[in-house]
PDB file of N, CA and C in Angstrom:
ATOM      1  N   MET A   1      13.578 -39.308 183.251  1.00  0.00           N
ATOM      2  CA  MET A   1      14.902 -39.786 183.533  1.00  0.00           C
ATOM      3  C   MET A   1      15.428 -40.544 182.324  1.00  0.00           C
ATOM      4  N   ALA A   2      14.654 -41.341 181.692  1.00  0.00           N
ATOM      5  CA  ALA A   2      15.159 -42.189 180.601  1.00  0.00           C
ATOM      6  C   ALA A   2      15.509 -41.247 179.497  1.00  0.00           C
ATOM      7  N   LYS A   3      14.902 -40.142 179.284  1.00  0.00           N
ATOM      8  CA  LYS A   3      15.204 -39.186 178.148  1.00  0.00           C
ATOM      9  C   LYS A   3      16.619 -38.654 178.340  1.00  0.00           C
ATOM     10  N   GLU A   4      16.849 -38.158 179.585  1.00  0.00           N
ATOM     11  CA  GLU A   4      18.216 -37.623 179.874  1.00  0.00           C
ATOM     12  C   GLU A   4      19.325 -38.675 179.633  1.00  0.00           C
ATOM     13  N   LEU A   5      19.013 -39.943 180.120  1.00  0.00           N
ATOM     14  CA  LEU A   5      19.991 -41.011 179.929  1.00  0.00           C
ATOM     15  C   LEU A   5      20.179 -41.333 178.389  1.00  0.00           C
ATOM     16  N   GLN A   6      19.078 -41.263 177.671  1.00  0.00           N
ATOM     17  CA  GLN A   6      19.141 -41.559 176.281  1.00  0.00           C
ATOM     18  C   GLN A   6      19.940 -40.517 175.538  1.00  0.00           C
ATOM     19  N   VAL A   7      20.010 -39.232 175.976  1.00  0.00           N
ATOM     20  CA  VAL A   7      20.786 -38.241 175.388  1.00  0.00           C
ATOM     21  C   VAL A   7      22.271 -38.544 175.670  1.00  0.00           C
ATOM     22  N   LEU A   8      22.487 -39.056 176.852  1.00  0.00           N
ATOM     23  CA  LEU A   8      23.973 -39.452 177.134  1.00  0.00           C
ATOM     24  C   LEU A   8      24.425 -40.620 176.291  1.00  0.00           C
ATOM     25  N   VAL A   9      23.562 -41.650 176.114  1.00  0.00           N
ATOM     26  CA  VAL A   9      23.792 -42.788 175.338  1.00  0.00           C
ATOM     27  C   VAL A   9      24.111 -42.440 173.891  1.00  0.00           C
ATOM     28  N   ASN A  10      23.296 -41.435 173.420  1.00  0.00           N
ATOM     29  CA  ASN A  10      23.486 -40.910 172.018  1.00  0.00           C
ATOM     30  C   ASN A  10      24.763 -40.241 171.946  1.00  0.00           C
ATOM     31  N   GLN A  11      25.238 -39.403 172.926  1.00  0.00           N
ATOM     32  CA  GLN A  11      26.399 -38.761 172.866  1.00  0.00           C
ATOM     33  C   GLN A  11      27.652 -39.713 172.848  1.00  0.00           C
ATOM     34  N   GLU A  12      27.440 -40.756 173.747  1.00  0.00           N
ATOM     35  CA  GLU A  12      28.484 -41.749 173.846  1.00  0.00           C
ATOM     36  C   GLU A  12      28.672 -42.575 172.507  1.00  0.00           C
ATOM     37  N   ALA A  13      27.554 -42.858 171.870  1.00  0.00           N
ATOM     38  CA  ALA A  13      27.641 -43.504 170.604  1.00  0.00           C
ATOM     39  C   ALA A  13      28.234 -42.559 169.535  1.00  0.00           C
ATOM     40  N   ARG A  14      27.967 -41.326 169.509  1.00  0.00           N
ATOM     41  CA  ARG A  14      28.498 -40.409 168.646  1.00  0.00           C
ATOM     42  C   ARG A  14      30.044 -40.288 168.794  1.00  0.00           C
ATOM     43  N   ALA A  15      30.407 -40.239 170.067  1.00  0.00           N
ATOM     44  CA  ALA A  15      31.915 -40.216 170.340  1.00  0.00           C
ATOM     45  C   ALA A  15      32.604 -41.468 169.972  1.00  0.00           C
ATOM     46  N   THR A  16      31.957 -42.627 170.220  1.00  0.00           N
ATOM     47  CA  THR A  16      32.566 -43.901 169.928  1.00  0.00           C
ATOM     48  C   THR A  16      32.697 -44.118 168.504  1.00  0.00           C
ATOM     49  N   THR A  17      31.693 -43.709 167.641  1.00  0.00           N
ATOM     50  CA  THR A  17      31.766 -44.067 166.195  1.00  0.00           C
ATOM     51  C   THR A  17      32.266 -42.931 165.323  1.00  0.00           C
ATOM     52  N   GLU A  18      32.347 -41.666 165.957  1.00  0.00           N
ATOM     53  CA  GLU A  18      32.736 -40.464 165.209  1.00  0.00           C
ATOM     54  C   GLU A  18      31.923 -40.315 163.848  1.00  0.00           C
ATOM     55  N   CYS A  19      30.724 -40.538 164.000  1.00  0.00           N
ATOM     56  CA  CYS A  19      29.784 -40.346 162.841  1.00  0.00           C
ATOM     57  C   CYS A  19      29.353 -38.939 162.813  1.00  0.00           C
ATOM     58  N   PHE A  20      28.726 -38.582 161.601  1.00  0.00           N
ATOM     59  CA  PHE A  20      28.234 -37.201 161.482  1.00  0.00           C
ATOM     60  C   PHE A  20      27.051 -36.947 162.369  1.00  0.00           C
ATOM     61  N   CYS A  21      26.610 -35.709 162.561  1.00  0.00           N
ATOM     62  CA  CYS A  21      25.609 -35.382 163.374  1.00  0.00           C
ATOM     63  C   CYS A  21      24.226 -35.784 162.766  1.00  0.00           C
ATOM     64  N   THR A  22      24.219 -36.005 161.465  1.00  0.00           N
ATOM     65  CA  THR A  22      22.979 -36.350 160.837  1.00  0.00           C
ATOM     66  C   THR A  22      22.735 -37.838 160.762  1.00  0.00           C
ATOM     67  N   THR A  23      23.482 -38.630 161.406  1.00  0.00           N
ATOM     68  CA  THR A  23      23.385 -40.147 161.268  1.00  0.00           C
ATOM     69  C   THR A  23      22.188 -40.472 162.094  1.00  0.00           C
ATOM     70  N   ASN A  24      21.395 -41.399 161.744  1.00  0.00           N
ATOM     71  CA  ASN A  24      20.152 -41.863 162.349  1.00  0.00           C
ATOM     72  C   ASN A  24      20.676 -42.438 163.791  1.00  0.00           C
ATOM     73  N   GLN A  25      19.933 -41.922 164.794  1.00  0.00           N
ATOM     74  CA  GLN A  25      20.288 -42.236 166.195  1.00  0.00           C
ATOM     75  C   GLN A  25      20.190 -43.782 166.496  1.00  0.00           C
ATOM     76  N   GLY A  26      19.214 -44.432 165.875  1.00  0.00           N
ATOM     77  CA  GLY A  26      19.085 -45.985 166.073  1.00  0.00           C
ATOM     78  C   GLY A  26      20.276 -46.718 165.444  1.00  0.00           C
ATOM     79  N   ALA A  27      20.610 -46.282 164.270  1.00  0.00           N
ATOM     80  CA  ALA A  27      21.716 -46.878 163.611  1.00  0.00           C
ATOM     81  C   ALA A  27      23.065 -46.584 164.342  1.00  0.00           C
ATOM     82  N   LEU A  28      23.151 -45.462 164.732  1.00  0.00           N
ATOM     83  CA  LEU A  28      24.452 -44.968 165.502  1.00  0.00           C
ATOM     84  C   LEU A  28      24.551 -45.767 166.808  1.00  0.00           C
ATOM     85  N   VAL A  29      23.526 -45.918 167.576  1.00  0.00           N
ATOM     86  CA  VAL A  29      23.560 -46.722 168.897  1.00  0.00           C
ATOM     87  C   VAL A  29      23.841 -48.135 168.578  1.00  0.00           C
ATOM     88  N   MET A  30      23.262 -48.678 167.532  1.00  0.00           N
ATOM     89  CA  MET A  30      23.508 -50.053 167.131  1.00  0.00           C
ATOM     90  C   MET A  30      24.992 -50.219 166.668  1.00  0.00           C
ATOM     91  N   GLU A  31      25.424 -49.425 165.915  1.00  0.00           N
ATOM     92  CA  GLU A  31      26.808 -49.577 165.391  1.00  0.00           C
ATOM     93  C   GLU A  31      27.804 -49.423 166.565  1.00  0.00           C
ATOM     94  N   ALA A  32      27.511 -48.663 167.540  1.00  0.00           N
ATOM     95  CA  ALA A  32      28.397 -48.397 168.753  1.00  0.00           C
ATOM     96  C   ALA A  32      28.216 -49.685 169.740  1.00  0.00           C
ATOM     97  N   GLY A  33      27.195 -50.450 169.439  1.00  0.00           N
ATOM     98  CA  GLY A  33      27.161 -51.679 170.424  1.00  0.00           C
ATOM     99  C   GLY A  33      26.499 -51.329 171.610  1.00  0.00           C
ATOM    100  N   LEU A  34      25.662 -50.265 171.753  1.00  0.00           N
ATOM    101  CA  LEU A  34      25.050 -49.830 173.028  1.00  0.00           C
ATOM    102  C   LEU A  34      23.641 -50.233 172.983  1.00  0.00           C
ATOM    103  N   ARG A  35      22.977 -50.289 174.083  1.00  0.00           N
ATOM    104  CA  ARG A  35      21.579 -50.523 174.270  1.00  0.00           C
ATOM    105  C   ARG A  35      20.718 -49.294 174.567  1.00  0.00           C
ATOM    106  N   PRO A  36      19.489 -49.193 174.248  1.00  0.00           N
ATOM    107  CA  PRO A  36      18.755 -47.936 174.512  1.00  0.00           C
ATOM    108  C   PRO A  36      18.595 -47.861 176.087  1.00  0.00           C
ATOM    109  N   ALA A  37      18.442 -46.494 176.450  1.00  0.00           N
ATOM    110  CA  ALA A  37      18.453 -46.254 177.873  1.00  0.00           C
ATOM    111  C   ALA A  37      17.445 -46.871 178.605  1.00  0.00           C
ATOM    112  N   VAL A  38      16.136 -47.023 178.058  1.00  0.00           N
ATOM    113  CA  VAL A  38      15.102 -47.708 178.647  1.00  0.00           C
ATOM    114  C   VAL A  38      15.410 -49.194 179.052  1.00  0.00           C
ATOM    115  N   ALA A  39      16.093 -49.880 178.102  1.00  0.00           N
ATOM    116  CA  ALA A  39      16.447 -51.202 178.190  1.00  0.00           C
ATOM    117  C   ALA A  39      17.506 -51.397 179.259  1.00  0.00           C
ATOM    118  N   GLN A  40      18.437 -50.362 179.420  1.00  0.00           N
ATOM    119  CA  GLN A  40      19.364 -50.453 180.433  1.00  0.00           C
ATOM    120  C   GLN A  40      18.811 -50.213 181.863  1.00  0.00           C
ATOM    121  N   LEU A  41      17.870 -49.359 181.946  1.00  0.00           N
ATOM    122  CA  LEU A  41      17.199 -49.059 183.132  1.00  0.00           C
ATOM    123  C   LEU A  41      16.394 -50.300 183.660  1.00  0.00           C
ATOM    124  N   GLU A  42      15.635 -50.835 182.702  1.00  0.00           N
ATOM    125  CA  GLU A  42      14.845 -52.031 183.132  1.00  0.00           C
ATOM    126  C   GLU A  42      15.771 -53.229 183.499  1.00  0.00           C
ATOM    127  N   ASN A  43      16.877 -53.302 182.869  1.00  0.00           N
ATOM    128  CA  ASN A  43      17.836 -54.436 183.226  1.00  0.00           C
ATOM    129  C   ASN A  43      18.362 -54.111 184.581  1.00  0.00           C
ATOM    130  N   ARG A  44      18.738 -52.916 185.048  1.00  0.00           N
ATOM    131  CA  ARG A  44      19.206 -52.613 186.284  1.00  0.00           C
ATOM    132  C   ARG A  44      18.110 -52.792 187.330  1.00  0.00           C
ATOM    133  N   LEU A  45      16.877 -52.449 186.992  1.00  0.00           N
ATOM    134  CA  LEU A  45      15.782 -52.688 187.880  1.00  0.00           C
ATOM    135  C   LEU A  45      15.543 -54.167 188.204  1.00  0.00           C
ATOM    136  N   ARG A  46      15.585 -54.875 187.105  1.00  0.00           N
ATOM    137  CA  ARG A  46      15.370 -56.438 187.249  1.00  0.00           C
ATOM    138  C   ARG A  46      16.527 -56.961 188.198  1.00  0.00           C
ATOM    139  N   ARG A  47      17.729 -56.616 187.962  1.00  0.00           N
ATOM    140  CA  ARG A  47      18.775 -57.185 188.620  1.00  0.00           C
ATOM    141  C   ARG A  47      18.676 -56.770 190.236  1.00  0.00           C
ATOM    142  N   PHE A  48      18.199 -55.537 190.409  1.00  0.00           N
ATOM    143  CA  PHE A  48      17.993 -55.161 191.792  1.00  0.00           C
ATOM    144  C   PHE A  48      16.967 -55.932 192.468  1.00  0.00           C
ATOM    145  N   ALA A  49      15.857 -56.119 191.717  1.00  0.00           N
ATOM    146  CA  ALA A  49      14.736 -56.978 192.341  1.00  0.00           C
ATOM    147  C   ALA A  49      15.213 -58.444 192.574  1.00  0.00           C
ATOM    148  N   LEU A  50      15.992 -59.012 191.664  1.00  0.00           N
ATOM    149  CA  LEU A  50      16.400 -60.216 191.877  1.00  0.00           C
ATOM    150  C   LEU A  50      17.541 -60.399 193.035  1.00  0.00           C
ATOM    151  N   ARG A  51      18.217 -59.316 193.331  1.00  0.00           N
ATOM    152  CA  ARG A  51      19.154 -59.244 194.378  1.00  0.00           C
ATOM    153  C   ARG A  51      18.292 -59.206 195.725  1.00  0.00           C
ATOM    154  N   LEU A  52      17.249 -58.297 195.720  1.00  0.00           N
ATOM    155  CA  LEU A  52      16.413 -58.321 196.968  1.00  0.00           C
ATOM    156  C   LEU A  52      15.754 -59.666 197.205  1.00  0.00           C
ATOM    157  N   LEU A  53      15.348 -60.358 196.275  1.00  0.00           N
ATOM    158  CA  LEU A  53      14.750 -61.687 196.433  1.00  0.00           C
ATOM    159  C   LEU A  53      15.839 -62.662 196.893  1.00  0.00           C
ATOM    160  N   SER A  54      17.073 -62.502 196.592  1.00  0.00           N
ATOM    161  CA  SER A  54      18.005 -63.511 197.084  1.00  0.00           C
ATOM    162  C   SER A  54      18.300 -63.295 198.542  1.00  0.00           C
ATOM    163  N   LEU A  55      17.971 -62.216 199.135  1.00  0.00           N
ATOM    164  CA  LEU A  55      18.138 -62.033 200.586  1.00  0.00           C
ATOM    165  C   LEU A  55      17.357 -63.124 201.407  1.00  0.00           C
ATOM    166  N   PRO A  56      17.936 -63.420 202.551  1.00  0.00           N
ATOM    167  CA  PRO A  56      17.367 -64.384 203.356  1.00  0.00           C
ATOM    168  C   PRO A  56      15.865 -64.120 203.794  1.00  0.00           C
ATOM    169  N   GLU A  57      15.148 -65.204 204.087  1.00  0.00           N
ATOM    170  CA  GLU A  57      13.785 -64.937 204.489  1.00  0.00           C
ATOM    171  C   GLU A  57      13.780 -64.069 205.744  1.00  0.00           C
ATOM    172  N   GLY A  58      12.717 -63.192 205.895  1.00  0.00           N
ATOM    173  CA  GLY A  58      12.594 -62.347 207.068  1.00  0.00           C
ATOM    174  C   GLY A  58      13.275 -60.958 206.953  1.00  0.00           C
ATOM    175  N   GLU A  59      14.053 -60.715 205.901  1.00  0.00           N
ATOM    176  CA  GLU A  59      14.752 -59.492 205.718  1.00  0.00           C
ATOM    177  C   GLU A  59      13.615 -58.502 205.148  1.00  0.00           C
ATOM    178  N   GLN A  60      13.675 -57.288 205.793  1.00  0.00           N
ATOM    179  CA  GLN A  60      12.592 -56.349 205.507  1.00  0.00           C
ATOM    180  C   GLN A  60      12.719 -55.853 204.080  1.00  0.00           C
ATOM    181  N   ALA A  61      14.034 -55.714 203.522  1.00  0.00           N
ATOM    182  CA  ALA A  61      14.235 -55.267 202.105  1.00  0.00           C
ATOM    183  C   ALA A  61      13.603 -56.250 201.156  1.00  0.00           C
ATOM    184  N   ARG A  62      13.709 -57.451 201.508  1.00  0.00           N
ATOM    185  CA  ARG A  62      13.082 -58.488 200.520  1.00  0.00           C
ATOM    186  C   ARG A  62      11.554 -58.359 200.373  1.00  0.00           C
ATOM    187  N   GLU A  63      10.901 -57.901 201.445  1.00  0.00           N
ATOM    188  CA  GLU A  63       9.488 -57.726 201.449  1.00  0.00           C
ATOM    189  C   GLU A  63       8.954 -56.662 200.623  1.00  0.00           C
ATOM    190  N   VAL A  64       9.862 -55.752 200.109  1.00  0.00           N
ATOM    191  CA  VAL A  64       9.481 -54.678 199.235  1.00  0.00           C
ATOM    192  C   VAL A  64       8.898 -55.123 197.947  1.00  0.00           C
ATOM    193  N   VAL A  65       9.548 -56.185 197.359  1.00  0.00           N
ATOM    194  CA  VAL A  65       9.126 -56.643 196.076  1.00  0.00           C
ATOM    195  C   VAL A  65       7.659 -57.153 196.071  1.00  0.00           C
ATOM    196  N   GLY A  66       6.849 -56.638 195.114  1.00  0.00           N
ATOM    197  CA  GLY A  66       5.394 -57.073 195.073  1.00  0.00           C
ATOM    198  C   GLY A  66       4.634 -56.429 196.072  1.00  0.00           C
ATOM    199  N   THR A  67       4.999 -55.546 196.898  1.00  0.00           N
ATOM    200  CA  THR A  67       4.010 -54.778 197.743  1.00  0.00           C
ATOM    201  C   THR A  67       3.193 -53.813 197.053  1.00  0.00           C
ATOM    202  N   ASN A  68       2.298 -53.200 197.698  1.00  0.00           N
ATOM    203  CA  ASN A  68       1.372 -52.300 197.163  1.00  0.00           C
ATOM    204  C   ASN A  68       1.889 -50.887 197.178  1.00  0.00           C
ATOM    205  N   THR A  69       3.308 -50.744 197.156  1.00  0.00           N
ATOM    206  CA  THR A  69       3.846 -49.371 196.939  1.00  0.00           C
ATOM    207  C   THR A  69       4.295 -49.152 195.553  1.00  0.00           C
ATOM    208  N   ALA A  70       4.587 -48.006 195.165  1.00  0.00           N
ATOM    209  CA  ALA A  70       5.004 -47.789 193.734  1.00  0.00           C
ATOM    210  C   ALA A  70       6.233 -48.566 193.399  1.00  0.00           C
ATOM    211  N   ILE A  71       7.287 -48.600 194.253  1.00  0.00           N
ATOM    212  CA  ILE A  71       8.477 -49.332 193.861  1.00  0.00           C
ATOM    213  C   ILE A  71       8.216 -50.863 193.867  1.00  0.00           C
ATOM    214  N   GLY A  72       7.386 -51.354 194.897  1.00  0.00           N
ATOM    215  CA  GLY A  72       7.165 -52.654 194.955  1.00  0.00           C
ATOM    216  C   GLY A  72       6.383 -53.205 193.781  1.00  0.00           C
ATOM    217  N   ARG A  73       5.379 -52.337 193.281  1.00  0.00           N
ATOM    218  CA  ARG A  73       4.633 -52.881 192.063  1.00  0.00           C
ATOM    219  C   ARG A  73       5.608 -52.857 190.852  1.00  0.00           C
ATOM    220  N   ARG A  74       6.415 -51.917 190.806  1.00  0.00           N
ATOM    221  CA  ARG A  74       7.386 -51.738 189.640  1.00  0.00           C
ATOM    222  C   ARG A  74       8.417 -52.964 189.658  1.00  0.00           C
ATOM    223  N   LEU A  75       8.870 -53.258 190.842  1.00  0.00           N
ATOM    224  CA  LEU A  75       9.802 -54.418 190.994  1.00  0.00           C
ATOM    225  C   LEU A  75       9.133 -55.809 190.670  1.00  0.00           C
ATOM    226  N   GLY A  76       7.857 -55.953 191.077  1.00  0.00           N
ATOM    227  CA  GLY A  76       6.988 -57.025 190.788  1.00  0.00           C
ATOM    228  C   GLY A  76       6.794 -57.229 189.283  1.00  0.00           C
ATOM    229  N   SER A  77       6.457 -56.096 188.635  1.00  0.00           N
ATOM    230  CA  SER A  77       6.063 -56.161 187.213  1.00  0.00           C
ATOM    231  C   SER A  77       7.313 -56.428 186.404  1.00  0.00           C
ATOM    232  N   VAL A  78       8.541 -56.009 186.718  1.00  0.00           N
ATOM    233  CA  VAL A  78       9.588 -56.319 185.879  1.00  0.00           C
ATOM    234  C   VAL A  78      10.130 -57.732 186.002  1.00  0.00           C
ATOM    235  N   LEU A  79       9.806 -58.352 187.053  1.00  0.00           N
ATOM    236  CA  LEU A  79      10.041 -59.753 187.245  1.00  0.00           C
ATOM    237  C   LEU A  79       9.175 -60.657 186.500  1.00  0.00           C
ATOM    238  N   LYS A  80       7.929 -60.147 186.167  1.00  0.00           N
ATOM    239  CA  LYS A  80       6.874 -60.980 185.485  1.00  0.00           C
ATOM    240  C   LYS A  80       7.090 -60.929 184.007  1.00  0.00           C
ATOM    241  N   TYR A  81       7.949 -60.089 183.524  1.00  0.00           N
ATOM    242  CA  TYR A  81       8.144 -59.963 182.050  1.00  0.00           C
ATOM    243  C   TYR A  81       8.736 -61.254 181.554  1.00  0.00           C
ATOM    244  N   THR A  82       8.274 -61.621 180.394  1.00  0.00           N
ATOM    245  CA  THR A  82       8.745 -62.860 179.705  1.00  0.00           C
ATOM    246  C   THR A  82       9.878 -62.436 178.730  1.00  0.00           C
ATOM    247  N   TRP A  83      11.089 -62.972 178.942  1.00  0.00           N
ATOM    248  CA  TRP A  83      12.178 -62.604 178.024  1.00  0.00           C
ATOM    249  C   TRP A  83      12.281 -63.410 176.824  1.00  0.00           C
ATOM    250  N   THR A  84      12.626 -62.883 175.739  1.00  0.00           N
ATOM    251  CA  THR A  84      12.763 -63.666 174.497  1.00  0.00           C
ATOM    252  C   THR A  84      14.140 -64.199 174.574  1.00  0.00           C
ATOM    253  N   GLU A  85      14.389 -65.219 173.670  1.00  0.00           N
ATOM    254  CA  GLU A  85      15.707 -65.805 173.571  1.00  0.00           C
ATOM    255  C   GLU A  85      16.846 -64.820 173.365  1.00  0.00           C
ATOM    256  N   THR A  86      16.651 -63.795 172.484  1.00  0.00           N
ATOM    257  CA  THR A  86      17.644 -62.842 172.245  1.00  0.00           C
ATOM    258  C   THR A  86      17.962 -61.926 173.411  1.00  0.00           C
ATOM    259  N   GLU A  87      16.843 -61.582 174.117  1.00  0.00           N
ATOM    260  CA  GLU A  87      17.051 -60.749 175.383  1.00  0.00           C
ATOM    261  C   GLU A  87      17.818 -61.566 176.406  1.00  0.00           C
ATOM    262  N   LYS A  88      17.483 -62.904 176.471  1.00  0.00           N
ATOM    263  CA  LYS A  88      18.134 -63.643 177.554  1.00  0.00           C
ATOM    264  C   LYS A  88      19.633 -63.789 177.160  1.00  0.00           C
ATOM    265  N   THR A  89      19.958 -63.845 175.906  1.00  0.00           N
ATOM    266  CA  THR A  89      21.380 -63.983 175.511  1.00  0.00           C
ATOM    267  C   THR A  89      22.194 -62.676 175.790  1.00  0.00           C
ATOM    268  N   VAL A  90      21.420 -61.551 175.515  1.00  0.00           N
ATOM    269  CA  VAL A  90      22.125 -60.139 175.824  1.00  0.00           C
ATOM    270  C   VAL A  90      22.242 -60.005 177.391  1.00  0.00           C
ATOM    271  N   LEU A  91      21.176 -60.402 178.026  1.00  0.00           N
ATOM    272  CA  LEU A  91      21.348 -60.213 179.577  1.00  0.00           C
ATOM    273  C   LEU A  91      22.343 -61.154 180.118  1.00  0.00           C
ATOM    274  N   LEU A  92      22.581 -62.311 179.645  1.00  0.00           N
ATOM    275  CA  LEU A  92      23.587 -63.232 180.099  1.00  0.00           C
ATOM    276  C   LEU A  92      25.048 -62.692 179.856  1.00  0.00           C
ATOM    277  N   GLU A  93      25.155 -61.969 178.746  1.00  0.00           N
ATOM    278  CA  GLU A  93      26.479 -61.565 178.387  1.00  0.00           C
ATOM    279  C   GLU A  93      26.965 -60.343 179.196  1.00  0.00           C
ATOM    280  N   GLU A  94      26.112 -59.677 179.846  1.00  0.00           N
ATOM    281  CA  GLU A  94      26.444 -58.542 180.651  1.00  0.00           C
ATOM    282  C   GLU A  94      27.172 -58.823 181.888  1.00  0.00           C
TER     283      GLU A  94
END
């Protein structure tokens, strides 16, 4: 899924900057002010997990985070990530 989204991000960056087809993808995305698809997906997942945890005690949806299911493990692992100062700044700006 991330690969398909990265293709869209690359197309968006090319349309925004109007650079040549031979322009390096990393430089192109950076110049357009976009973030890689993987970073965008992880940020959405983190925000979803935080939203679930903000639900009142006893809500069944809240209990999903950290359970022994695939989505529960993924949500739990994304919340355990230690953010650098740069990442915190970028996340706060969104």
